[in-house]
């Protein structure tokens, strides 16, 4: 049997004595079924108020120490591929008790892969390998806890545990048959209850942006094993270092018209407004690209939106960004998303960090520094274009007369003088790359996207 790990300890350990006392009271009330049903009804409708009061007191105290940030205590639901949750936090945080908290420490170390947890291995063995729950390490661990007098999941006997496992099988069957549904889709909302519908898969965010599992292991394990494409998640705790990076991005957006140059794809950054022209550009580009896994060079990546999306499609991406303010964000966002695309650390026109300058396609975005009027700069640009070895180049550039009607490309560079700057630029690129055919394939807003091949 393979080596597996148990789940991490909870930030607020469950009180086994308290649970036993509640179960004893429940058993005693079973002799008075009418009273029992009435008390259960009252607890289900109003028990949340005690939890809410306790949380209100604690958050007020912790806000004074900076451990709780009210602006982070939001109810946003994020849909994300379950495969993005690679690791479990070394301390698990319950959403209802920890939402909005910011903590230092090493709870975010990447030491416990979620797929090494016994609960995930058990779901894989039961659903894929068709074993019985009783044959799994997960079941045997829970049974050992019961035999020590503990009550995992409220189970006091092996029969209780078997019933619990039958419910887990039913859960997986429902997810496989009907897809993954959010809690608000599955359960009616109790009026006035701020906790209702919030009990989704919970993650916390480590210092580098990793989504770390924190709660609802059964649903996440079933979704991973069944290959569910998207699951709803909520965010509990953030590492203080991650919050500092998030605030840097927010400040950059605020200083630049309130917008990031491109959307930040991390779930915890999706609230920051951003320009959307890169989305249009990629939609135009994709039908003209060679099949994956082609090598794509993106020059002028800004926050790397195209590289993130192209990597999802199986492409190998290389990129650079000349803007010194944006370049650090590009690397941090790549790490936060666990991407592998290569960022060139050198200035854009040296490329000494790239041993192979052969690419299947090259994209030059409008942030690329075209300065043809300056002789030295023009020479460097010409050298850069001649160094590239590619059969396909895309240029987001200034409008050229006739582009909307796919007119013939402009006269070759070096021919008769042309006062039209867009035509001069296109002729310059065509001459230096030796890519003879030029066509406008569409517009990103009012800016044309040209294809050279």
Protein backbone atom coordinates (compact mmCIF):
# COMPACT_ATOMS: atom_id res chain seq x y z
CA UNK A 1 0.00 0.00 0.00
CA UNK A 2 1.42 3.38 -1.03
CA UNK A 3 2.64 6.00 1.44
CA UNK A 4 -0.04 8.58 2.12
CA UNK A 5 -0.43 11.53 4.49
CA UNK A 6 -3.26 12.60 6.74
CA UNK A 7 -4.77 16.07 6.62
CA UNK A 8 -3.12 19.05 8.30
CA UNK A 9 -4.30 20.16 11.75
CA UNK A 10 -7.06 22.72 11.92
CA UNK A 11 -6.34 26.28 12.99
CA UNK A 12 -9.05 25.82 15.60
CA UNK A 13 -9.10 22.20 16.70
CA UNK A 14 -12.47 20.62 17.14
CA UNK A 15 -13.39 19.95 20.74
CA UNK A 16 -14.03 16.19 20.96
CA UNK A 17 -15.38 16.46 24.52
CA UNK A 18 -17.88 19.12 23.45
CA UNK A 19 -18.99 16.98 20.52
CA UNK A 20 -19.46 13.94 22.76
CA UNK A 21 -21.55 15.99 25.17
CA UNK A 22 -23.79 17.21 22.35
CA UNK A 23 -24.27 13.66 21.10
CA UNK A 24 -25.18 12.44 24.60
CA UNK A 25 -27.81 15.17 24.85
CA UNK A 26 -29.07 14.23 21.39
CA UNK A 27 -29.39 10.57 22.44
CA UNK A 28 -31.26 11.47 25.60
CA UNK A 29 -33.69 13.63 23.65
CA UNK A 30 -34.45 10.70 21.36
CA UNK A 31 -36.81 9.48 24.07
CA UNK A 32 -38.85 12.62 23.43
CA UNK A 33 -39.03 12.77 19.62
CA UNK A 34 -41.38 15.75 19.44
CA UNK A 35 -39.10 17.84 21.65
CA UNK A 36 -36.02 16.58 19.79
CA UNK A 37 -37.41 17.58 16.38
CA UNK A 38 -38.42 20.99 17.69
CA UNK A 39 -34.99 21.71 19.20
CA UNK A 40 -33.22 20.55 16.03
CA UNK A 41 -35.44 22.85 13.98
CA UNK A 42 -34.64 25.80 16.26
CA UNK A 43 -30.90 25.07 16.16
CA UNK A 44 -30.81 24.80 12.38
CA UNK A 45 -32.62 28.10 12.00
CA UNK A 46 -30.90 30.11 14.73
CA UNK A 47 -27.70 28.28 15.78
CA UNK A 48 -25.70 30.34 13.30
CA UNK A 49 -26.36 33.44 15.42
CA UNK A 50 -24.03 32.17 18.16
CA UNK A 51 -21.27 31.57 15.60
CA UNK A 52 -21.88 34.99 14.09
CA UNK A 53 -21.65 36.70 17.49
CA UNK A 54 -18.42 34.90 18.31
CA UNK A 55 -16.91 35.84 14.94
CA UNK A 56 -17.97 39.48 15.30
CA UNK A 57 -16.15 39.76 18.65
CA UNK A 58 -12.98 38.05 17.39
CA UNK A 59 -12.74 40.07 14.17
CA UNK A 60 -13.11 43.33 16.07
CA UNK A 61 -10.22 42.35 18.34
CA UNK A 62 -8.01 41.03 15.51
CA UNK A 63 -8.61 44.10 13.34
CA UNK A 64 -6.73 46.11 15.97
CA UNK A 65 -3.64 43.89 15.52
CA UNK A 66 -3.81 43.83 11.70
CA UNK A 67 -4.60 40.11 11.58
CA UNK A 68 -8.05 40.83 10.18
CA UNK A 69 -8.72 43.12 7.20
CA UNK A 70 -12.40 43.91 6.67
CA UNK A 71 -11.89 44.74 2.98
CA UNK A 72 -10.79 41.12 2.42
CA UNK A 73 -13.87 39.71 4.15
CA UNK A 74 -15.87 39.37 0.96
CA UNK A 75 -18.23 36.73 -0.33
CA UNK A 76 -16.87 36.38 -3.84
CA UNK A 77 -17.16 32.93 -5.35
CA UNK A 78 -14.40 31.93 -7.76
CA UNK A 79 -14.66 29.07 -10.28
CA UNK A 80 -11.30 27.48 -10.95
CA UNK A 81 -9.90 24.17 -12.25
CA UNK A 82 -9.40 21.79 -9.29
CA UNK A 83 -5.98 20.95 -10.75
CA UNK A 84 -4.78 24.41 -9.70
CA UNK A 85 -4.96 23.36 -6.05
CA UNK A 86 -1.73 21.39 -5.85
CA UNK A 87 -0.90 21.56 -2.13
CA UNK A 88 -2.60 21.49 1.22
CA UNK A 89 -1.85 24.23 3.73
CA UNK A 90 0.12 22.98 6.72
CA UNK A 91 -2.65 24.50 8.83
CA UNK A 92 -6.22 24.25 7.60
CA UNK A 93 -8.50 27.27 8.01
CA UNK A 94 -12.27 27.13 8.22
CA UNK A 95 -13.91 29.75 5.99
CA UNK A 96 -16.57 30.87 8.46
CA UNK A 97 -13.98 31.45 11.20
CA UNK A 98 -11.01 32.70 9.17
CA UNK A 99 -12.36 34.68 6.19
CA UNK A 100 -10.59 38.03 5.91
CA UNK A 101 -7.60 37.07 8.06
CA UNK A 102 -3.98 37.87 7.13
CA UNK A 103 -1.28 35.76 8.77
CA UNK A 104 2.49 35.46 8.73
CA UNK A 105 4.27 32.19 9.36
CA UNK A 106 5.20 29.02 7.49
CA UNK A 107 1.73 27.51 7.18
CA UNK A 108 2.05 28.02 3.41
CA UNK A 109 5.18 25.90 2.84
CA UNK A 110 4.69 23.57 -0.14
CA UNK A 111 5.35 20.33 1.71
CA UNK A 112 2.07 18.41 1.49
CA UNK A 113 0.67 17.68 -2.00
CA UNK A 114 -3.09 17.31 -1.87
CA UNK A 115 -2.96 14.17 -3.99
CA UNK A 116 -0.80 12.51 -1.30
CA UNK A 117 -3.56 12.88 1.30
CA UNK A 118 -5.25 9.64 2.30
CA UNK A 119 -8.68 11.13 1.53
CA UNK A 120 -7.72 11.77 -2.11
CA UNK A 121 -6.05 8.37 -2.46
CA UNK A 122 -9.19 6.74 -1.04
CA UNK A 123 -11.46 8.44 -3.59
CA UNK A 124 -9.13 7.39 -6.39
CA UNK A 125 -9.04 3.78 -5.17
CA UNK A 126 -12.82 3.59 -4.74
CA UNK A 127 -13.87 5.43 -7.92
CA UNK A 128 -11.13 4.34 -10.33
CA UNK A 129 -9.70 1.10 -8.96
CA UNK A 130 -13.11 -0.08 -7.65
CA UNK A 131 -11.86 -0.98 -4.18
CA UNK A 132 -14.04 -0.93 -1.09
CA UNK A 133 -13.74 1.91 1.40
CA UNK A 134 -12.70 -0.60 4.06
CA UNK A 135 -9.57 -1.35 2.03
CA UNK A 136 -8.31 2.24 2.09
CA UNK A 137 -5.81 3.85 4.44
CA UNK A 138 -8.29 6.66 4.97
CA UNK A 139 -10.95 4.31 6.34
CA UNK A 140 -8.50 2.49 8.60
CA UNK A 141 -7.24 5.78 10.05
CA UNK A 142 -10.76 6.94 10.88
CA UNK A 143 -11.61 3.55 12.37
CA UNK A 144 -8.52 3.74 14.60
CA UNK A 145 -9.67 7.15 15.86
CA UNK A 146 -13.09 5.72 16.70
CA UNK A 147 -11.46 2.88 18.60
CA UNK A 148 -9.49 5.46 20.64
CA UNK A 149 -12.76 7.09 21.70
CA UNK A 150 -12.75 9.94 19.17
CA UNK A 151 -15.70 10.77 16.92
CA UNK A 152 -14.51 11.78 13.43
CA UNK A 153 -17.42 13.22 11.46
CA UNK A 154 -19.66 12.35 14.41
CA UNK A 155 -19.04 8.62 13.90
CA UNK A 156 -19.02 6.62 17.14
CA UNK A 157 -19.03 3.10 15.70
CA UNK A 158 -17.76 1.27 12.66
CA UNK A 159 -21.35 1.10 11.43
CA UNK A 160 -21.54 4.91 11.58
CA UNK A 161 -18.32 5.08 9.57
CA UNK A 162 -19.69 2.69 6.92
CA UNK A 163 -22.77 4.88 6.57
CA UNK A 164 -20.56 7.93 6.24
CA UNK A 165 -18.56 6.28 3.44
CA UNK A 166 -21.78 5.33 1.66
CA UNK A 167 -22.71 9.02 1.67
CA UNK A 168 -19.31 9.88 0.18
CA UNK A 169 -19.94 7.39 -2.63
CA UNK A 170 -23.33 9.00 -3.21
CA UNK A 171 -21.67 12.44 -3.28
CA UNK A 172 -19.20 11.33 -5.94
CA UNK A 173 -21.97 9.69 -7.96
CA UNK A 174 -24.04 12.90 -7.87
CA UNK A 175 -21.07 15.02 -8.97
CA UNK A 176 -20.25 12.61 -11.78
CA UNK A 177 -23.84 12.46 -13.01
CA UNK A 178 -24.96 16.06 -12.64
CA UNK A 179 -21.72 18.04 -12.59
CA UNK A 180 -20.38 20.09 -9.71
CA UNK A 181 -22.94 22.44 -8.19
CA UNK A 182 -22.39 25.27 -5.72
CA UNK A 183 -23.92 25.12 -2.26
CA UNK A 184 -26.47 27.80 -3.14
CA UNK A 185 -27.62 25.60 -6.02
CA UNK A 186 -27.98 22.58 -3.74
CA UNK A 187 -29.50 24.09 -0.59
CA UNK A 188 -32.10 26.79 0.05
CA UNK A 189 -30.83 30.01 1.61
CA UNK A 190 -31.97 30.67 5.17
CA UNK A 191 -33.17 34.26 5.36
CA UNK A 192 -30.90 36.45 7.47
CA UNK A 193 -28.16 33.81 7.83
CA UNK A 194 -24.87 35.35 6.59
CA UNK A 195 -23.21 31.91 6.57
CA UNK A 196 -25.79 30.22 4.34
CA UNK A 197 -24.40 28.93 1.04
CA UNK A 198 -20.81 29.83 1.95
CA UNK A 199 -19.52 26.33 2.75
CA UNK A 200 -17.66 25.73 -0.50
CA UNK A 201 -14.20 24.30 -1.14
CA UNK A 202 -11.97 26.61 0.86
CA UNK A 203 -8.44 27.67 -0.05
CA UNK A 204 -5.91 29.93 1.57
CA UNK A 205 -3.30 31.87 -0.38
CA UNK A 206 0.41 31.46 0.31
CA UNK A 207 3.07 34.13 0.02
CA UNK A 208 3.71 33.35 -3.67
CA UNK A 209 0.02 33.10 -4.59
CA UNK A 210 -0.43 29.33 -4.36
CA UNK A 211 -4.01 28.18 -3.78
CA UNK A 212 -3.65 25.92 -0.74
CA UNK A 213 -6.41 23.53 0.25
CA UNK A 214 -8.02 24.35 3.58
CA UNK A 215 -11.47 22.73 3.79
CA UNK A 216 -13.99 20.44 2.00
CA UNK A 217 -11.52 17.69 1.16
CA UNK A 218 -14.17 15.19 0.04
CA UNK A 219 -15.63 17.46 -2.62
CA UNK A 220 -12.23 18.52 -3.93
CA UNK A 221 -10.95 14.92 -4.01
CA UNK A 222 -14.04 13.73 -5.89
CA UNK A 223 -13.77 16.62 -8.38
CA UNK A 224 -10.10 15.88 -9.06
CA UNK A 225 -10.63 12.14 -9.53
CA UNK A 226 -13.69 12.65 -11.75
CA UNK A 227 -11.94 15.25 -13.92
CA UNK A 228 -14.41 18.06 -13.19
CA UNK A 229 -13.21 21.11 -15.20
CA UNK A 230 -14.23 23.87 -12.73
CA UNK A 231 -15.18 24.00 -9.05
CA UNK A 232 -16.34 26.92 -6.89
CA UNK A 233 -13.89 28.07 -4.23
CA UNK A 234 -13.82 30.70 -1.52
CA UNK A 235 -10.73 32.28 0.03
CA UNK A 236 -10.14 32.14 3.77
CA UNK A 237 -6.67 33.32 4.86
CA UNK A 238 -3.99 35.21 2.94
CA UNK A 239 -0.29 35.30 3.73
CA UNK A 240 0.85 38.81 4.61
CA UNK A 241 3.51 38.76 1.86
CA UNK A 242 0.86 37.94 -0.75
CA UNK A 243 -1.36 40.77 0.48
CA UNK A 244 1.59 43.18 0.05
CA UNK A 245 1.94 42.10 -3.61
CA UNK A 246 -1.80 42.43 -4.18
CA UNK A 247 -1.68 45.98 -2.84
CA UNK A 248 1.26 46.82 -5.13
CA UNK A 249 -0.83 45.81 -8.15
CA UNK A 250 -3.81 47.78 -6.88
CA UNK A 251 -1.61 50.85 -6.39
CA UNK A 252 -0.13 50.49 -9.89
CA UNK A 253 -3.62 50.35 -11.38
CA UNK A 254 -4.73 53.37 -9.34
CA UNK A 255 -1.72 55.37 -10.60
CA UNK A 256 -2.45 54.47 -14.22
CA UNK A 257 -6.01 55.54 -14.81
CA UNK A 258 -7.50 52.94 -12.47
CA UNK A 259 -6.69 50.06 -14.84
CA UNK A 260 -4.07 47.34 -15.13
CA UNK A 261 -2.69 47.01 -18.69
CA UNK A 262 -4.06 43.45 -18.81
CA UNK A 263 -6.30 41.30 -16.61
CA UNK A 264 -4.51 39.53 -13.77
CA UNK A 265 -5.77 35.94 -14.00
CA UNK A 266 -5.19 34.91 -10.38
CA UNK A 267 -8.56 34.50 -8.57
CA UNK A 268 -7.54 36.88 -5.79
CA UNK A 269 -6.61 39.60 -8.30
CA UNK A 270 -9.63 39.40 -10.58
CA UNK A 271 -11.29 42.34 -8.79
CA UNK A 272 -8.69 44.81 -10.16
CA UNK A 273 -10.08 46.61 -13.26
CA UNK A 274 -8.00 46.09 -16.41
CA UNK A 275 -7.91 46.88 -20.11
CA UNK A 276 -9.33 44.09 -22.28
CA UNK A 277 -7.61 44.71 -25.62
CA UNK A 278 -5.27 41.75 -25.05
CA UNK A 279 -8.33 39.47 -25.01
CA UNK A 280 -9.39 40.76 -28.44
CA UNK A 281 -5.83 40.43 -29.71
CA UNK A 282 -5.54 36.79 -28.66
CA UNK A 283 -8.93 35.96 -30.17
CA UNK A 284 -7.70 37.36 -33.49
CA UNK A 285 -4.34 35.63 -33.21
CA UNK A 286 -5.29 32.06 -32.29
CA UNK A 287 -6.85 30.96 -35.63
CA UNK A 288 -3.62 31.94 -37.42
CA UNK A 289 -1.17 30.16 -35.11
CA UNK A 290 0.49 26.85 -35.96
CA UNK A 291 -0.67 23.83 -33.92
CA UNK A 292 0.64 23.33 -30.39
CA UNK A 293 3.24 22.66 -29.10
CA UNK A 294 4.75 25.41 -31.25
CA UNK A 295 7.30 27.90 -29.86
CA UNK A 296 5.80 31.38 -29.57
CA UNK A 297 7.71 34.58 -28.79
CA UNK A 298 5.65 37.46 -27.33
CA UNK A 299 7.51 40.78 -27.30
CA UNK A 300 5.93 43.42 -25.10
CA UNK A 301 4.13 41.00 -22.79
CA UNK A 302 3.03 43.54 -20.16
CA UNK A 303 1.45 41.23 -17.49
CA UNK A 304 1.76 38.12 -19.68
CA UNK A 305 -1.91 37.51 -20.51
CA UNK A 306 -1.14 35.92 -23.91
CA UNK A 307 1.55 33.69 -22.41
CA UNK A 308 -0.79 32.39 -19.69
CA UNK A 309 -3.53 31.60 -22.17
CA UNK A 310 -1.25 30.12 -24.84
CA UNK A 311 0.38 27.87 -22.25
CA UNK A 312 -3.11 26.59 -21.39
CA UNK A 313 -3.43 25.63 -25.07
CA UNK A 314 -0.15 23.70 -25.00
CA UNK A 315 2.23 26.24 -26.55
CA UNK A 316 5.76 26.91 -25.37
CA UNK A 317 6.05 30.65 -24.75
CA UNK A 318 8.97 33.07 -24.45
CA UNK A 319 8.53 36.71 -23.60
CA UNK A 320 10.07 40.00 -22.54
CA UNK A 321 8.87 43.34 -21.24
CA UNK A 322 10.85 46.58 -21.41
CA UNK A 323 8.74 48.55 -18.91
CA UNK A 324 10.71 48.43 -15.66
CA UNK A 325 7.59 49.00 -13.55
CA UNK A 326 5.68 46.11 -15.09
CA UNK A 327 8.52 43.59 -15.46
CA UNK A 328 8.55 42.51 -11.76
CA UNK A 329 4.78 41.96 -11.88
CA UNK A 330 5.22 39.72 -14.93
CA UNK A 331 7.48 37.35 -13.00
CA UNK A 332 5.39 37.36 -9.83
CA UNK A 333 2.20 36.58 -11.74
CA UNK A 334 3.92 33.74 -13.59
CA UNK A 335 4.94 32.24 -10.24
CA UNK A 336 1.50 32.79 -8.70
CA UNK A 337 -0.08 30.83 -11.57
CA UNK A 338 2.68 28.15 -11.57
CA UNK A 339 3.43 28.81 -15.23
CA UNK A 340 6.53 27.69 -17.11
CA UNK A 341 6.86 30.28 -19.88
CA UNK A 342 10.34 31.80 -20.18
CA UNK A 343 10.87 35.47 -19.29
CA UNK A 344 13.96 37.01 -20.88
CA UNK A 345 15.80 39.03 -18.19
CA UNK A 346 17.91 40.97 -20.72
CA UNK A 347 16.90 44.23 -22.46
CA UNK A 348 14.52 43.54 -25.31
CA UNK A 349 17.02 43.94 -28.13
CA UNK A 350 19.94 41.90 -26.79
CA UNK A 351 18.41 38.46 -26.21
CA UNK A 352 21.67 36.97 -24.99
CA UNK A 353 19.65 34.87 -22.55
CA UNK A 354 17.99 32.96 -25.39
CA UNK A 355 20.35 30.40 -26.98
CA UNK A 356 17.85 29.55 -29.73
CA UNK A 357 16.15 32.36 -31.63
CA UNK A 358 14.05 30.05 -33.81
CA UNK A 359 10.32 30.43 -33.20
CA UNK A 360 7.26 29.10 -34.96
CA UNK A 361 5.55 32.48 -34.52
CA UNK A 362 6.40 35.91 -33.08
CA UNK A 363 3.98 38.51 -31.72
CA UNK A 364 5.10 42.13 -31.49
CA UNK A 365 2.52 44.01 -29.44
CA UNK A 366 1.97 47.75 -29.63
CA UNK A 367 4.08 48.22 -26.49
CA UNK A 368 7.15 47.20 -28.53
CA UNK A 369 9.50 50.25 -28.75
CA UNK A 370 9.41 51.29 -32.42
CA UNK A 371 11.64 54.36 -32.96
CA UNK A 372 12.55 54.41 -36.64
CA UNK A 373 13.42 58.12 -36.67
CA UNK A 374 16.45 57.57 -34.42
CA UNK A 375 19.34 56.08 -36.44
CA UNK A 376 20.95 54.10 -33.61
CA UNK A 377 17.62 52.75 -32.47
CA UNK A 378 16.68 51.90 -36.03
CA UNK A 379 19.89 49.88 -36.43
CA UNK A 380 19.21 47.94 -33.24
CA UNK A 381 15.67 47.19 -34.37
CA UNK A 382 16.91 46.00 -37.76
CA UNK A 383 19.51 43.77 -36.08
CA UNK A 384 16.86 42.30 -33.75
CA UNK A 385 14.49 41.51 -36.63
CA UNK A 386 17.27 39.92 -38.67
CA UNK A 387 18.25 37.73 -35.71
CA UNK A 388 14.75 36.26 -35.50
CA UNK A 389 14.20 33.04 -37.42
CA UNK A 390 10.47 32.61 -37.83
CA UNK A 391 8.09 31.85 -40.70
CA UNK A 392 5.27 33.84 -39.09
CA UNK A 393 5.18 37.25 -37.42
CA UNK A 394 2.29 39.30 -36.06
CA UNK A 395 2.55 43.05 -35.55
CA UNK A 396 0.08 45.21 -33.68
CA UNK A 397 0.76 48.55 -35.26
CA UNK A 398 -0.60 51.84 -36.49
CA UNK A 399 -3.44 51.97 -38.99
CA UNK A 400 -2.55 51.85 -42.66
CA UNK A 401 -4.77 53.13 -45.52
CA UNK A 402 -6.70 50.29 -47.10
CA UNK A 403 -6.14 47.88 -44.25
CA UNK A 404 -9.83 47.37 -43.52
CA UNK A 405 -10.32 46.18 -47.10
CA UNK A 406 -7.24 43.91 -46.96
CA UNK A 407 -5.51 45.99 -49.61
CA UNK A 408 -2.11 44.98 -50.99
CA UNK A 409 0.83 45.55 -48.64
CA UNK A 410 2.81 48.79 -48.91
CA UNK A 411 5.79 49.30 -51.20
CA UNK A 412 9.05 47.66 -50.10
CA UNK A 413 11.27 49.56 -47.73
CA UNK A 414 14.04 51.27 -49.65
CA UNK A 415 11.82 52.12 -52.64
CA UNK A 416 10.30 55.52 -53.33
CA UNK A 417 10.01 57.82 -50.29
CA UNK A 418 6.75 57.30 -48.41
CA UNK A 419 5.42 59.93 -46.05
CA UNK A 420 2.95 57.46 -44.51
CA UNK A 421 4.49 56.27 -41.23
CA UNK A 422 2.44 53.05 -41.01
CA UNK A 423 3.54 51.99 -44.49
CA UNK A 424 7.16 52.80 -43.64
CA UNK A 425 6.96 50.62 -40.51
CA UNK A 426 5.38 47.69 -42.34
CA UNK A 427 7.93 47.95 -45.15
CA UNK A 428 10.76 48.10 -42.62
CA UNK A 429 9.57 44.94 -40.84
CA UNK A 430 8.99 43.07 -44.10
CA UNK A 431 12.45 43.96 -45.43
CA UNK A 432 14.33 43.03 -42.25
CA UNK A 433 12.46 39.76 -41.59
CA UNK A 434 12.30 38.74 -45.27
CA UNK A 435 8.66 37.77 -44.78
CA UNK A 436 7.17 38.88 -48.10
CA UNK A 437 3.40 38.62 -47.52
CA UNK A 438 1.59 41.12 -45.29
CA UNK A 439 -2.11 41.21 -44.46
CA UNK A 440 -4.30 42.86 -41.86
CA UNK A 441 -6.19 40.08 -40.04
CA UNK A 442 -8.39 42.32 -37.90
CA UNK A 443 -8.52 45.14 -35.40
CA UNK A 444 -7.89 45.38 -31.68
CA UNK A 445 -10.11 48.34 -30.96
CA UNK A 446 -8.90 50.81 -33.58
CA UNK A 447 -5.45 49.23 -33.90
CA UNK A 448 -4.83 46.77 -36.76
CA UNK A 449 -3.11 43.44 -36.29
CA UNK A 450 -0.85 42.54 -39.23
CA UNK A 451 0.34 39.08 -40.25
CA UNK A 452 3.68 38.59 -42.00
CA UNK A 453 4.52 35.23 -43.59
